[in-house]
């Protein structure tokens, strides 16, 4: 298949492809027994992320079960600060346990020790994973597109400053209020690193890039403008300068609510991911492809609830550029047969 004919890439170009393409955040993950076995083989989550053969293997695992229209590189958001030199480890069970633990960056000295220009070089195993995935897709899944990704600056900064995930990132939020100059300097470093890291993924074979701003919803409106939207505008402009004006970019400002229209209009992305709180029957951004937004809890429930919720999304999105996805990632308790039923229904378009 000509890469430009892949349904996912056509949708990102603004075509109202029907039935819509589908992929799911965390489609390679803990709900699959083969994933759990591969992570155990790797010896841990960080080890899995840095093992090109095994990372490519877990990327392919959901494709062997479900006819997804896109595969997403298997790695993790904190791998970008790791690539800049920040110490990173994972708690018991990797992402299954307490998750990523980083040596916090809260001073100018700690910030000066980072090496953003080295991000792509240090992440060479991840770029090899991208190449392996693209080669395997062309051989075994020629209609499936490959997505590379990174965390957006605000979300990555949250991990870097607080040193771990969750709990509302109080230190990062306090820095935004009390020492915005330091946070601005960190963002400059992050944007430089993300540019190198993402361009390297594209050069290795990624056909689209996604920016996950998982914690965009933590900020008030003025903070959203300064720490989510403005840095994203700078980063996407740099990516387009390197990759060309038509390279597909996706942004996911999770739980951004009222900030979504401005993000869609100004962030410089082709598609905007919508979380499960967005009402698809209400006013929606125009001029961009939309991606989302089934509640992952409904996927766990299955049955009539899943069928009806999927049908409502399809009805709301018919006739416009759209990629079916979840509002967040698949949870570990998701029955495999529910994923199969969802993909089959979406591919029927009803």
C-alpha atoms as a PDB file:
ATOM      1  CA  UNK A   1       0.000   0.000   0.000  1.00  0.00           C
ATOM      2  CA  UNK A   2       1.157   3.527  -0.778  1.00  0.00           C
ATOM      3  CA  UNK A   3       1.806   5.064   2.663  1.00  0.00           C
ATOM      4  CA  UNK A   4      -0.313   8.069   1.753  1.00  0.00           C
ATOM      5  CA  UNK A   5      -3.328   5.767   1.307  1.00  0.00           C
ATOM      6  CA  UNK A   6      -3.293   4.500   4.893  1.00  0.00           C
ATOM      7  CA  UNK A   7      -6.677   5.408   6.428  1.00  0.00           C
ATOM      8  CA  UNK A   8      -5.105   6.894   9.548  1.00  0.00           C
ATOM      9  CA  UNK A   9      -2.863   9.246   7.557  1.00  0.00           C
ATOM     10  CA  UNK A  10      -5.727  10.218   5.253  1.00  0.00           C
ATOM     11  CA  UNK A  11      -7.772  11.192   8.298  1.00  0.00           C
ATOM     12  CA  UNK A  12      -4.898  13.309   9.610  1.00  0.00           C
ATOM     13  CA  UNK A  13      -4.800  15.097   6.251  1.00  0.00           C
ATOM     14  CA  UNK A  14      -8.383  16.174   6.864  1.00  0.00           C
ATOM     15  CA  UNK A  15     -10.274  13.511   4.922  1.00  0.00           C
ATOM     16  CA  UNK A  16     -13.564  12.286   6.364  1.00  0.00           C
ATOM     17  CA  UNK A  17     -12.581   8.618   6.088  1.00  0.00           C
ATOM     18  CA  UNK A  18     -15.463   6.234   6.767  1.00  0.00           C
ATOM     19  CA  UNK A  19     -15.493   3.914   8.569  1.00  0.00           C
ATOM     20  CA  UNK A  20     -13.030   5.907  10.646  1.00  0.00           C
ATOM     21  CA  UNK A  21      -9.572   4.568  11.474  1.00  0.00           C
ATOM     22  CA  UNK A  22      -9.037   3.296  15.002  1.00  0.00           C
ATOM     23  CA  UNK A  23      -6.149   2.815  17.385  1.00  0.00           C
ATOM     24  CA  UNK A  24      -6.160   2.888  21.179  1.00  0.00           C
ATOM     25  CA  UNK A  25      -3.850   4.544  23.648  1.00  0.00           C
ATOM     26  CA  UNK A  26      -1.947   1.839  25.553  1.00  0.00           C
ATOM     27  CA  UNK A  27      -3.104  -0.753  23.044  1.00  0.00           C
ATOM     28  CA  UNK A  28       0.185  -2.489  23.855  1.00  0.00           C
ATOM     29  CA  UNK A  29      -0.094  -2.997  27.583  1.00  0.00           C
ATOM     30  CA  UNK A  30      -0.935  -4.900  30.698  1.00  0.00           C
ATOM     31  CA  UNK A  31      -4.341  -6.196  29.595  1.00  0.00           C
ATOM     32  CA  UNK A  32      -2.467  -8.517  27.191  1.00  0.00           C
ATOM     33  CA  UNK A  33      -0.865 -11.620  28.742  1.00  0.00           C
ATOM     34  CA  UNK A  34       1.821 -11.615  26.065  1.00  0.00           C
ATOM     35  CA  UNK A  35       2.819  -8.100  27.103  1.00  0.00           C
ATOM     36  CA  UNK A  36       3.205  -9.135  30.724  1.00  0.00           C
ATOM     37  CA  UNK A  37       5.361 -12.081  29.672  1.00  0.00           C
ATOM     38  CA  UNK A  38       7.574  -9.886  27.492  1.00  0.00           C
ATOM     39  CA  UNK A  39       8.071  -7.316  30.250  1.00  0.00           C
ATOM     40  CA  UNK A  40       9.109 -10.103  32.596  1.00  0.00           C
ATOM     41  CA  UNK A  41      11.534 -11.359  29.954  1.00  0.00           C
ATOM     42  CA  UNK A  42      13.045  -7.870  29.682  1.00  0.00           C
ATOM     43  CA  UNK A  43      13.660  -7.726  33.420  1.00  0.00           C
ATOM     44  CA  UNK A  44      11.753  -4.517  34.096  1.00  0.00           C
ATOM     45  CA  UNK A  45       9.956  -1.618  32.473  1.00  0.00           C
ATOM     46  CA  UNK A  46      12.964   0.611  31.816  1.00  0.00           C
ATOM     47  CA  UNK A  47      14.833  -2.376  30.420  1.00  0.00           C
ATOM     48  CA  UNK A  48      11.890  -3.085  28.123  1.00  0.00           C
ATOM     49  CA  UNK A  49      11.848   0.501  26.827  1.00  0.00           C
ATOM     50  CA  UNK A  50      15.560   0.267  25.981  1.00  0.00           C
ATOM     51  CA  UNK A  51      15.418  -3.155  24.309  1.00  0.00           C
ATOM     52  CA  UNK A  52      14.612  -2.563  20.613  1.00  0.00           C
ATOM     53  CA  UNK A  53      13.684  -6.166  19.861  1.00  0.00           C
ATOM     54  CA  UNK A  54      11.312  -6.507  22.810  1.00  0.00           C
ATOM     55  CA  UNK A  55       9.851  -2.985  22.494  1.00  0.00           C
ATOM     56  CA  UNK A  56       9.066  -3.691  18.851  1.00  0.00           C
ATOM     57  CA  UNK A  57       7.562  -7.027  19.865  1.00  0.00           C
ATOM     58  CA  UNK A  58       5.125  -5.463  22.337  1.00  0.00           C
ATOM     59  CA  UNK A  59       4.191  -2.832  19.745  1.00  0.00           C
ATOM     60  CA  UNK A  60       3.193  -5.618  17.357  1.00  0.00           C
ATOM     61  CA  UNK A  61       1.283  -7.692  19.926  1.00  0.00           C
ATOM     62  CA  UNK A  62      -2.081  -5.879  19.690  1.00  0.00           C
ATOM     63  CA  UNK A  63      -1.851  -5.847  15.885  1.00  0.00           C
ATOM     64  CA  UNK A  64      -1.793  -9.635  15.863  1.00  0.00           C
ATOM     65  CA  UNK A  65      -5.110  -9.645  17.727  1.00  0.00           C
ATOM     66  CA  UNK A  66      -6.915  -6.604  16.319  1.00  0.00           C
ATOM     67  CA  UNK A  67      -6.849  -4.864  12.898  1.00  0.00           C
ATOM     68  CA  UNK A  68      -5.722  -1.465  14.211  1.00  0.00           C
ATOM     69  CA  UNK A  69      -5.105   1.344  11.744  1.00  0.00           C
ATOM     70  CA  UNK A  70      -2.108   2.702  13.648  1.00  0.00           C
ATOM     71  CA  UNK A  71       0.619   1.403  15.907  1.00  0.00           C
ATOM     72  CA  UNK A  72       2.293   3.645  18.448  1.00  0.00           C
ATOM     73  CA  UNK A  73       5.911   3.335  19.468  1.00  0.00           C
ATOM     74  CA  UNK A  74       6.231   1.534  22.783  1.00  0.00           C
ATOM     75  CA  UNK A  75       8.122   3.772  25.192  1.00  0.00           C
ATOM     76  CA  UNK A  76       7.220   6.115  28.055  1.00  0.00           C
ATOM     77  CA  UNK A  77       6.971   9.868  28.620  1.00  0.00           C
ATOM     78  CA  UNK A  78       9.862  10.062  31.154  1.00  0.00           C
ATOM     79  CA  UNK A  79      12.254   8.593  28.603  1.00  0.00           C
ATOM     80  CA  UNK A  80      12.759  12.124  27.244  1.00  0.00           C
ATOM     81  CA  UNK A  81      14.211  13.503  30.505  1.00  0.00           C
ATOM     82  CA  UNK A  82      16.207  10.283  30.835  1.00  0.00           C
ATOM     83  CA  UNK A  83      17.641  10.992  27.376  1.00  0.00           C
ATOM     84  CA  UNK A  84      18.714  14.440  28.624  1.00  0.00           C
ATOM     85  CA  UNK A  85      20.596  12.865  31.510  1.00  0.00           C
ATOM     86  CA  UNK A  86      18.059  12.945  34.349  1.00  0.00           C
ATOM     87  CA  UNK A  87      18.252   9.866  36.567  1.00  0.00           C
ATOM     88  CA  UNK A  88      15.229   7.595  36.074  1.00  0.00           C
ATOM     89  CA  UNK A  89      14.124   4.349  37.618  1.00  0.00           C
ATOM     90  CA  UNK A  90      10.835   2.543  37.925  1.00  0.00           C
ATOM     91  CA  UNK A  91       9.247   1.293  41.100  1.00  0.00           C
ATOM     92  CA  UNK A  92       8.194  -2.264  41.746  1.00  0.00           C
ATOM     93  CA  UNK A  93       6.682  -3.671  38.569  1.00  0.00           C
ATOM     94  CA  UNK A  94       7.602  -0.695  36.403  1.00  0.00           C
ATOM     95  CA  UNK A  95       4.452   1.095  35.289  1.00  0.00           C
ATOM     96  CA  UNK A  96       2.490  -1.514  37.281  1.00  0.00           C
ATOM     97  CA  UNK A  97       3.830  -0.228  40.587  1.00  0.00           C
ATOM     98  CA  UNK A  98       4.670   3.288  41.726  1.00  0.00           C
ATOM     99  CA  UNK A  99       5.765   4.212  38.221  1.00  0.00           C
ATOM    100  CA  UNK A 100       8.634   6.476  37.183  1.00  0.00           C
ATOM    101  CA  UNK A 101      10.890   7.972  39.831  1.00  0.00           C
ATOM    102  CA  UNK A 102      13.220  10.779  38.714  1.00  0.00           C
ATOM    103  CA  UNK A 103      15.850  12.804  40.538  1.00  0.00           C
ATOM    104  CA  UNK A 104      13.951  16.116  40.760  1.00  0.00           C
ATOM    105  CA  UNK A 105      15.124  19.135  38.768  1.00  0.00           C
ATOM    106  CA  UNK A 106      14.308  22.126  40.979  1.00  0.00           C
ATOM    107  CA  UNK A 107      17.414  24.339  40.839  1.00  0.00           C
ATOM    108  CA  UNK A 108      19.404  26.125  38.181  1.00  0.00           C
ATOM    109  CA  UNK A 109      22.360  23.857  38.861  1.00  0.00           C
ATOM    110  CA  UNK A 110      20.261  20.745  38.264  1.00  0.00           C
ATOM    111  CA  UNK A 111      18.882  22.289  35.094  1.00  0.00           C
ATOM    112  CA  UNK A 112      22.370  23.195  33.854  1.00  0.00           C
ATOM    113  CA  UNK A 113      23.408  19.552  34.152  1.00  0.00           C
ATOM    114  CA  UNK A 114      20.876  18.461  31.521  1.00  0.00           C
ATOM    115  CA  UNK A 115      22.066  17.836  27.961  1.00  0.00           C
ATOM    116  CA  UNK A 116      19.165  18.477  25.562  1.00  0.00           C
ATOM    117  CA  UNK A 117      21.375  18.231  22.487  1.00  0.00           C
ATOM    118  CA  UNK A 118      22.243  14.663  23.468  1.00  0.00           C
ATOM    119  CA  UNK A 119      18.634  13.470  23.694  1.00  0.00           C
ATOM    120  CA  UNK A 120      18.422  11.779  20.294  1.00  0.00           C
ATOM    121  CA  UNK A 121      21.861  10.195  20.618  1.00  0.00           C
ATOM    122  CA  UNK A 122      21.253   8.776  24.082  1.00  0.00           C
ATOM    123  CA  UNK A 123      17.849   7.518  22.948  1.00  0.00           C
ATOM    124  CA  UNK A 124      19.412   5.560  20.060  1.00  0.00           C
ATOM    125  CA  UNK A 125      17.797   2.280  21.254  1.00  0.00           C
ATOM    126  CA  UNK A 126      14.386   3.930  20.954  1.00  0.00           C
ATOM    127  CA  UNK A 127      15.168   5.067  17.414  1.00  0.00           C
ATOM    128  CA  UNK A 128      16.217   1.518  16.554  1.00  0.00           C
ATOM    129  CA  UNK A 129      12.850   0.375  17.905  1.00  0.00           C
ATOM    130  CA  UNK A 130      11.108   2.816  15.557  1.00  0.00           C
ATOM    131  CA  UNK A 131      13.036   1.433  12.585  1.00  0.00           C
ATOM    132  CA  UNK A 132      12.222  -2.151  13.542  1.00  0.00           C
ATOM    133  CA  UNK A 133       8.531  -1.359  13.914  1.00  0.00           C
ATOM    134  CA  UNK A 134       8.323   0.440  10.572  1.00  0.00           C
ATOM    135  CA  UNK A 135      10.057  -2.469   8.831  1.00  0.00           C
ATOM    136  CA  UNK A 136       7.697  -4.969  10.444  1.00  0.00           C
ATOM    137  CA  UNK A 137       4.622  -2.924   9.582  1.00  0.00           C
ATOM    138  CA  UNK A 138       5.599  -2.683   5.938  1.00  0.00           C
ATOM    139  CA  UNK A 139       6.114  -6.442   5.863  1.00  0.00           C
ATOM    140  CA  UNK A 140       3.154  -7.712   7.903  1.00  0.00           C
ATOM    141  CA  UNK A 141       0.688  -4.806   8.353  1.00  0.00           C
ATOM    142  CA  UNK A 142       1.083  -2.561   5.294  1.00  0.00           C
ATOM    143  CA  UNK A 143      -2.090  -0.567   5.975  1.00  0.00           C
ATOM    144  CA  UNK A 144      -1.079   0.350   9.520  1.00  0.00           C
ATOM    145  CA  UNK A 145       0.649   3.679  10.188  1.00  0.00           C
ATOM    146  CA  UNK A 146       3.357   4.256  12.803  1.00  0.00           C
ATOM    147  CA  UNK A 147       3.023   6.990  15.433  1.00  0.00           C
ATOM    148  CA  UNK A 148       6.002   8.319  17.357  1.00  0.00           C
ATOM    149  CA  UNK A 149       5.482  10.440  20.441  1.00  0.00           C
ATOM    150  CA  UNK A 150       6.788  12.445  23.341  1.00  0.00           C
ATOM    151  CA  UNK A 151       5.320  14.241  26.282  1.00  0.00           C
ATOM    152  CA  UNK A 152       4.537  17.898  25.709  1.00  0.00           C
ATOM    153  CA  UNK A 153       6.701  20.372  27.661  1.00  0.00           C
ATOM    154  CA  UNK A 154       4.302  20.997  30.567  1.00  0.00           C
ATOM    155  CA  UNK A 155       3.629  17.325  31.225  1.00  0.00           C
ATOM    156  CA  UNK A 156       7.293  16.319  31.012  1.00  0.00           C
ATOM    157  CA  UNK A 157       8.211  19.231  33.280  1.00  0.00           C
ATOM    158  CA  UNK A 158       5.724  17.951  35.860  1.00  0.00           C
ATOM    159  CA  UNK A 159       7.561  14.633  36.057  1.00  0.00           C
ATOM    160  CA  UNK A 160      10.977  16.280  36.046  1.00  0.00           C
ATOM    161  CA  UNK A 161      10.188  18.728  38.845  1.00  0.00           C
ATOM    162  CA  UNK A 162       8.083  16.579  41.168  1.00  0.00           C
ATOM    163  CA  UNK A 163      10.154  13.479  40.521  1.00  0.00           C
ATOM    164  CA  UNK A 164       7.246  11.086  40.134  1.00  0.00           C
ATOM    165  CA  UNK A 165       3.782  10.831  38.650  1.00  0.00           C
ATOM    166  CA  UNK A 166       0.380  11.598  40.082  1.00  0.00           C
ATOM    167  CA  UNK A 167      -0.661  13.526  43.213  1.00  0.00           C
ATOM    168  CA  UNK A 168      -1.332  16.711  41.247  1.00  0.00           C
ATOM    169  CA  UNK A 169       2.341  17.719  40.803  1.00  0.00           C
ATOM    170  CA  UNK A 170       2.292  20.385  43.529  1.00  0.00           C
ATOM    171  CA  UNK A 171       5.970  21.332  43.182  1.00  0.00           C
ATOM    172  CA  UNK A 172       5.676  22.007  39.445  1.00  0.00           C
ATOM    173  CA  UNK A 173       2.532  24.055  39.956  1.00  0.00           C
ATOM    174  CA  UNK A 174       4.199  26.044  42.731  1.00  0.00           C
ATOM    175  CA  UNK A 175       7.234  26.707  40.536  1.00  0.00           C
ATOM    176  CA  UNK A 176       4.928  28.098  37.846  1.00  0.00           C
ATOM    177  CA  UNK A 177       3.687  30.665  40.384  1.00  0.00           C
ATOM    178  CA  UNK A 178       6.815  31.357  42.453  1.00  0.00           C
ATOM    179  CA  UNK A 179       9.722  30.988  40.019  1.00  0.00           C
ATOM    180  CA  UNK A 180       8.362  31.237  36.480  1.00  0.00           C
ATOM    181  CA  UNK A 181      11.766  32.312  35.161  1.00  0.00           C
ATOM    182  CA  UNK A 182      13.273  28.963  36.188  1.00  0.00           C
ATOM    183  CA  UNK A 183      10.359  27.109  34.648  1.00  0.00           C
ATOM    184  CA  UNK A 184      10.754  29.106  31.428  1.00  0.00           C
ATOM    185  CA  UNK A 185      14.406  28.058  31.282  1.00  0.00           C
ATOM    186  CA  UNK A 186      13.442  24.429  31.818  1.00  0.00           C
ATOM    187  CA  UNK A 187      10.916  24.737  28.991  1.00  0.00           C
ATOM    188  CA  UNK A 188      13.575  26.087  26.637  1.00  0.00           C
ATOM    189  CA  UNK A 189      15.680  23.033  27.444  1.00  0.00           C
ATOM    190  CA  UNK A 190      12.713  20.694  27.041  1.00  0.00           C
ATOM    191  CA  UNK A 191      11.666  22.137  23.700  1.00  0.00           C
ATOM    192  CA  UNK A 192      15.193  21.746  22.343  1.00  0.00           C
ATOM    193  CA  UNK A 193      15.382  18.142  23.544  1.00  0.00           C
ATOM    194  CA  UNK A 194      11.900  17.261  22.277  1.00  0.00           C
ATOM    195  CA  UNK A 195      12.727  18.670  18.847  1.00  0.00           C
ATOM    196  CA  UNK A 196      15.812  16.448  18.514  1.00  0.00           C
ATOM    197  CA  UNK A 197      14.023  13.431  19.988  1.00  0.00           C
ATOM    198  CA  UNK A 198      10.934  13.677  17.782  1.00  0.00           C
ATOM    199  CA  UNK A 199      12.766  14.522  14.567  1.00  0.00           C
ATOM    200  CA  UNK A 200      14.932  11.449  15.153  1.00  0.00           C
ATOM    201  CA  UNK A 201      11.783   9.335  15.489  1.00  0.00           C
ATOM    202  CA  UNK A 202      10.437  10.698  12.218  1.00  0.00           C
ATOM    203  CA  UNK A 203      13.739  10.066  10.472  1.00  0.00           C
ATOM    204  CA  UNK A 204      13.719   6.501  11.821  1.00  0.00           C
ATOM    205  CA  UNK A 205      10.309   5.829  10.286  1.00  0.00           C
ATOM    206  CA  UNK A 206       7.504   7.366  12.350  1.00  0.00           C
ATOM    207  CA  UNK A 207       4.757   8.571   9.992  1.00  0.00           C
ATOM    208  CA  UNK A 208       3.070  10.887  12.505  1.00  0.00           C
ATOM    209  CA  UNK A 209       4.040  12.342  15.874  1.00  0.00           C
ATOM    210  CA  UNK A 210       1.866  12.830  18.941  1.00  0.00           C
ATOM    211  CA  UNK A 211       2.388  15.228  21.845  1.00  0.00           C
ATOM    212  CA  UNK A 212       0.836  13.965  25.068  1.00  0.00           C
ATOM    213  CA  UNK A 213      -0.063  16.780  27.463  1.00  0.00           C
ATOM    214  CA  UNK A 214      -1.593  14.437  30.000  1.00  0.00           C
ATOM    215  CA  UNK A 215      -1.601  17.033  32.797  1.00  0.00           C
ATOM    216  CA  UNK A 216      -2.832  20.057  30.820  1.00  0.00           C
ATOM    217  CA  UNK A 217      -6.001  20.070  32.908  1.00  0.00           C
ATOM    218  CA  UNK A 218      -4.110  20.970  36.095  1.00  0.00           C
ATOM    219  CA  UNK A 219      -3.678  24.587  35.051  1.00  0.00           C
ATOM    220  CA  UNK A 220      -6.016  27.593  35.248  1.00  0.00           C
ATOM    221  CA  UNK A 221      -6.774  29.432  31.981  1.00  0.00           C
ATOM    222  CA  UNK A 222      -3.823  31.831  32.160  1.00  0.00           C
ATOM    223  CA  UNK A 223      -1.508  28.977  33.105  1.00  0.00           C
ATOM    224  CA  UNK A 224      -2.833  26.877  30.252  1.00  0.00           C
ATOM    225  CA  UNK A 225      -1.978  29.641  27.796  1.00  0.00           C
ATOM    226  CA  UNK A 226       1.528  30.159  29.160  1.00  0.00           C
ATOM    227  CA  UNK A 227       2.609  26.610  30.005  1.00  0.00           C
ATOM    228  CA  UNK A 228       0.637  24.413  27.595  1.00  0.00           C
ATOM    229  CA  UNK A 229      -0.346  26.348  24.497  1.00  0.00           C
ATOM    230  CA  UNK A 230       2.597  28.719  23.985  1.00  0.00           C
ATOM    231  CA  UNK A 231       5.336  26.043  24.347  1.00  0.00           C
ATOM    232  CA  UNK A 232       3.409  23.706  22.060  1.00  0.00           C
ATOM    233  CA  UNK A 233       3.245  26.423  19.398  1.00  0.00           C
ATOM    234  CA  UNK A 234       7.029  26.840  19.579  1.00  0.00           C
ATOM    235  CA  UNK A 235       7.683  23.096  19.439  1.00  0.00           C
ATOM    236  CA  UNK A 236       5.346  22.369  16.534  1.00  0.00           C
ATOM    237  CA  UNK A 237       6.837  25.275  14.557  1.00  0.00           C
ATOM    238  CA  UNK A 238      10.299  23.797  15.045  1.00  0.00           C
ATOM    239  CA  UNK A 239       9.096  20.341  14.037  1.00  0.00           C
ATOM    240  CA  UNK A 240       7.490  21.699  10.875  1.00  0.00           C
ATOM    241  CA  UNK A 241      10.655  23.605  10.012  1.00  0.00           C
ATOM    242  CA  UNK A 242      12.578  20.326  10.201  1.00  0.00           C
ATOM    243  CA  UNK A 243      10.011  17.847   8.858  1.00  0.00           C
ATOM    244  CA  UNK A 244       8.022  19.974   6.423  1.00  0.00           C
ATOM    245  CA  UNK A 245       4.679  21.759   6.660  1.00  0.00           C
ATOM    246  CA  UNK A 246       2.627  18.663   5.841  1.00  0.00           C
ATOM    247  CA  UNK A 247       4.086  16.262   8.404  1.00  0.00           C
ATOM    248  CA  UNK A 248       1.179  14.979  10.581  1.00  0.00           C
ATOM    249  CA  UNK A 249       1.171  16.137  14.202  1.00  0.00           C
ATOM    250  CA  UNK A 250      -1.351  15.213  16.907  1.00  0.00           C
ATOM    251  CA  UNK A 251      -1.817  17.027  20.210  1.00  0.00           C
ATOM    252  CA  UNK A 252      -3.602  15.675  23.257  1.00  0.00           C
ATOM    253  CA  UNK A 253      -4.299  18.364  25.893  1.00  0.00           C
ATOM    254  CA  UNK A 254      -6.039  16.022  28.309  1.00  0.00           C
ATOM    255  CA  UNK A 255      -8.789  17.498  30.494  1.00  0.00           C
ATOM    256  CA  UNK A 256      -8.158  20.943  29.021  1.00  0.00           C
ATOM    257  CA  UNK A 257     -11.894  21.615  28.715  1.00  0.00           C
ATOM    258  CA  UNK A 258     -12.409  25.271  27.762  1.00  0.00           C
ATOM    259  CA  UNK A 259      -8.837  25.502  26.487  1.00  0.00           C
ATOM    260  CA  UNK A 260      -9.448  23.024  23.661  1.00  0.00           C
ATOM    261  CA  UNK A 261     -10.789  25.516  21.046  1.00  0.00           C
ATOM    262  CA  UNK A 262      -7.718  27.757  21.384  1.00  0.00           C
ATOM    263  CA  UNK A 263      -5.441  24.721  21.314  1.00  0.00           C
ATOM    264  CA  UNK A 264      -7.086  23.410  18.142  1.00  0.00           C
ATOM    265  CA  UNK A 265      -6.852  26.808  16.452  1.00  0.00           C
ATOM    266  CA  UNK A 266      -3.300  27.758  17.431  1.00  0.00           C
ATOM    267  CA  UNK A 267      -1.210  24.773  18.528  1.00  0.00           C
ATOM    268  CA  UNK A 268      -0.057  23.899  15.016  1.00  0.00           C
ATOM    269  CA  UNK A 269      -1.338  20.320  15.046  1.00  0.00           C
ATOM    270  CA  UNK A 270      -3.334  18.419  12.436  1.00  0.00           C
ATOM    271  CA  UNK A 271      -5.401  16.526  15.001  1.00  0.00           C
ATOM    272  CA  UNK A 272      -6.543  17.099  18.565  1.00  0.00           C
ATOM    273  CA  UNK A 273      -7.139  14.247  20.980  1.00  0.00           C
ATOM    274  CA  UNK A 274     -10.255  14.607  23.103  1.00  0.00           C
ATOM    275  CA  UNK A 275     -10.643  13.031  26.526  1.00  0.00           C
ATOM    276  CA  UNK A 276     -13.843  11.372  27.713  1.00  0.00           C
ATOM    277  CA  UNK A 277     -15.198  14.547  29.346  1.00  0.00           C
ATOM    278  CA  UNK A 278     -15.724  16.285  25.977  1.00  0.00           C
ATOM    279  CA  UNK A 279     -19.332  16.227  24.750  1.00  0.00           C
ATOM    280  CA  UNK A 280     -19.197  15.340  21.056  1.00  0.00           C
ATOM    281  CA  UNK A 281     -22.755  16.565  20.527  1.00  0.00           C
ATOM    282  CA  UNK A 282     -21.778  20.104  21.554  1.00  0.00           C
ATOM    283  CA  UNK A 283     -19.661  22.697  19.752  1.00  0.00           C
ATOM    284  CA  UNK A 284     -16.423  21.167  18.481  1.00  0.00           C
ATOM    285  CA  UNK A 285     -13.291  22.667  16.918  1.00  0.00           C
ATOM    286  CA  UNK A 286     -13.322  23.020  13.148  1.00  0.00           C
ATOM    287  CA  UNK A 287     -10.399  22.785  10.773  1.00  0.00           C
ATOM    288  CA  UNK A 288      -8.659  19.908  12.569  1.00  0.00           C
ATOM    289  CA  UNK A 289      -9.102  16.164  12.764  1.00  0.00           C
ATOM    290  CA  UNK A 290     -10.531  15.004  16.077  1.00  0.00           C
ATOM    291  CA  UNK A 291      -9.413  11.869  17.903  1.00  0.00           C
ATOM    292  CA  UNK A 292     -11.140  10.142  20.805  1.00  0.00           C
ATOM    293  CA  UNK A 293     -12.965   9.801  23.077  1.00  0.00           C
ATOM    294  CA  UNK A 294     -14.567   6.605  24.418  1.00  0.00           C
ATOM    295  CA  UNK A 295     -14.408   6.310  28.195  1.00  0.00           C
ATOM    296  CA  UNK A 296     -11.977   3.506  29.035  1.00  0.00           C
ATOM    297  CA  UNK A 297     -14.327   2.393  31.827  1.00  0.00           C
ATOM    298  CA  UNK A 298     -17.026   1.692  29.253  1.00  0.00           C
ATOM    299  CA  UNK A 299     -14.562  -0.501  27.376  1.00  0.00           C
ATOM    300  CA  UNK A 300     -14.078  -2.469  30.599  1.00  0.00           C
ATOM    301  CA  UNK A 301     -17.849  -2.810  31.047  1.00  0.00           C
ATOM    302  CA  UNK A 302     -18.476  -4.047  27.507  1.00  0.00           C
ATOM    303  CA  UNK A 303     -21.854  -5.313  26.363  1.00  0.00           C
ATOM    304  CA  UNK A 304     -24.669  -2.957  25.474  1.00  0.00           C
ATOM    305  CA  UNK A 305     -23.025  -0.039  27.260  1.00  0.00           C
ATOM    306  CA  UNK A 306     -19.993  -0.334  24.987  1.00  0.00           C
ATOM    307  CA  UNK A 307     -22.034  -0.830  21.845  1.00  0.00           C
ATOM    308  CA  UNK A 308     -24.270   2.175  22.572  1.00  0.00           C
ATOM    309  CA  UNK A 309     -21.416   4.501  23.552  1.00  0.00           C
ATOM    310  CA  UNK A 310     -19.465   3.551  20.430  1.00  0.00           C
ATOM    311  CA  UNK A 311     -22.517   4.143  18.245  1.00  0.00           C
ATOM    312  CA  UNK A 312     -23.046   7.596  19.777  1.00  0.00           C
ATOM    313  CA  UNK A 313     -19.474   8.605  18.995  1.00  0.00           C
ATOM    314  CA  UNK A 314     -19.714   7.301  15.441  1.00  0.00           C
ATOM    315  CA  UNK A 315     -23.003   9.127  14.879  1.00  0.00           C
ATOM    316  CA  UNK A 316     -21.559  12.390  16.206  1.00  0.00           C
ATOM    317  CA  UNK A 317     -18.401  12.173  14.096  1.00  0.00           C
ATOM    318  CA  UNK A 318     -19.840  10.950  10.810  1.00  0.00           C
ATOM    319  CA  UNK A 319     -18.915  13.243   7.940  1.00  0.00           C
ATOM    320  CA  UNK A 320     -15.896  14.885   9.548  1.00  0.00           C
ATOM    321  CA  UNK A 321     -12.195  13.965   9.831  1.00  0.00           C
ATOM    322  CA  UNK A 322     -11.998  11.620  12.800  1.00  0.00           C
ATOM    323  CA  UNK A 323      -9.870   8.920  14.401  1.00  0.00           C
ATOM    324  CA  UNK A 324     -11.563   6.647  16.929  1.00  0.00           C
ATOM    325  CA  UNK A 325      -9.705   6.243  20.203  1.00  0.00           C
ATOM    326  CA  UNK A 326     -10.240   6.282  23.939  1.00  0.00           C
ATOM    327  CA  UNK A 327     -10.324   9.323  26.186  1.00  0.00           C
ATOM    328  CA  UNK A 328      -7.223   7.932  27.899  1.00  0.00           C
ATOM    329  CA  UNK A 329      -5.351   4.629  27.912  1.00  0.00           C
ATOM    330  CA  UNK A 330      -6.652   1.074  28.092  1.00  0.00           C
ATOM    331  CA  UNK A 331      -6.715  -0.076  31.712  1.00  0.00           C
ATOM    332  CA  UNK A 332      -5.179  -3.392  32.828  1.00  0.00           C
ATOM    333  CA  UNK A 333      -8.569  -4.896  33.725  1.00  0.00           C
ATOM    334  CA  UNK A 334      -9.938  -4.535  30.181  1.00  0.00           C
ATOM    335  CA  UNK A 335     -11.208  -7.832  28.723  1.00  0.00           C
ATOM    336  CA  UNK A 336      -9.533  -8.631  25.422  1.00  0.00           C
ATOM    337  CA  UNK A 337     -12.853  -9.623  23.856  1.00  0.00           C
ATOM    338  CA  UNK A 338     -14.220  -6.125  24.535  1.00  0.00           C
ATOM    339  CA  UNK A 339     -11.394  -4.587  22.536  1.00  0.00           C
ATOM    340  CA  UNK A 340     -12.108  -6.995  19.685  1.00  0.00           C
ATOM    341  CA  UNK A 341     -15.806  -6.062  19.742  1.00  0.00           C
ATOM    342  CA  UNK A 342     -14.993  -2.346  19.719  1.00  0.00           C
ATOM    343  CA  UNK A 343     -12.633  -2.576  16.760  1.00  0.00           C
ATOM    344  CA  UNK A 344     -15.131  -4.670  14.812  1.00  0.00           C
ATOM    345  CA  UNK A 345     -17.954  -2.183  15.456  1.00  0.00           C
ATOM    346  CA  UNK A 346     -15.862   0.834  14.489  1.00  0.00           C
ATOM    347  CA  UNK A 347     -14.760  -0.841  11.278  1.00  0.00           C
ATOM    348  CA  UNK A 348     -18.441  -1.443  10.472  1.00  0.00           C
ATOM    349  CA  UNK A 349     -19.030   2.255  11.020  1.00  0.00           C
ATOM    350  CA  UNK A 350     -22.232   1.752  12.986  1.00  0.00           C
END
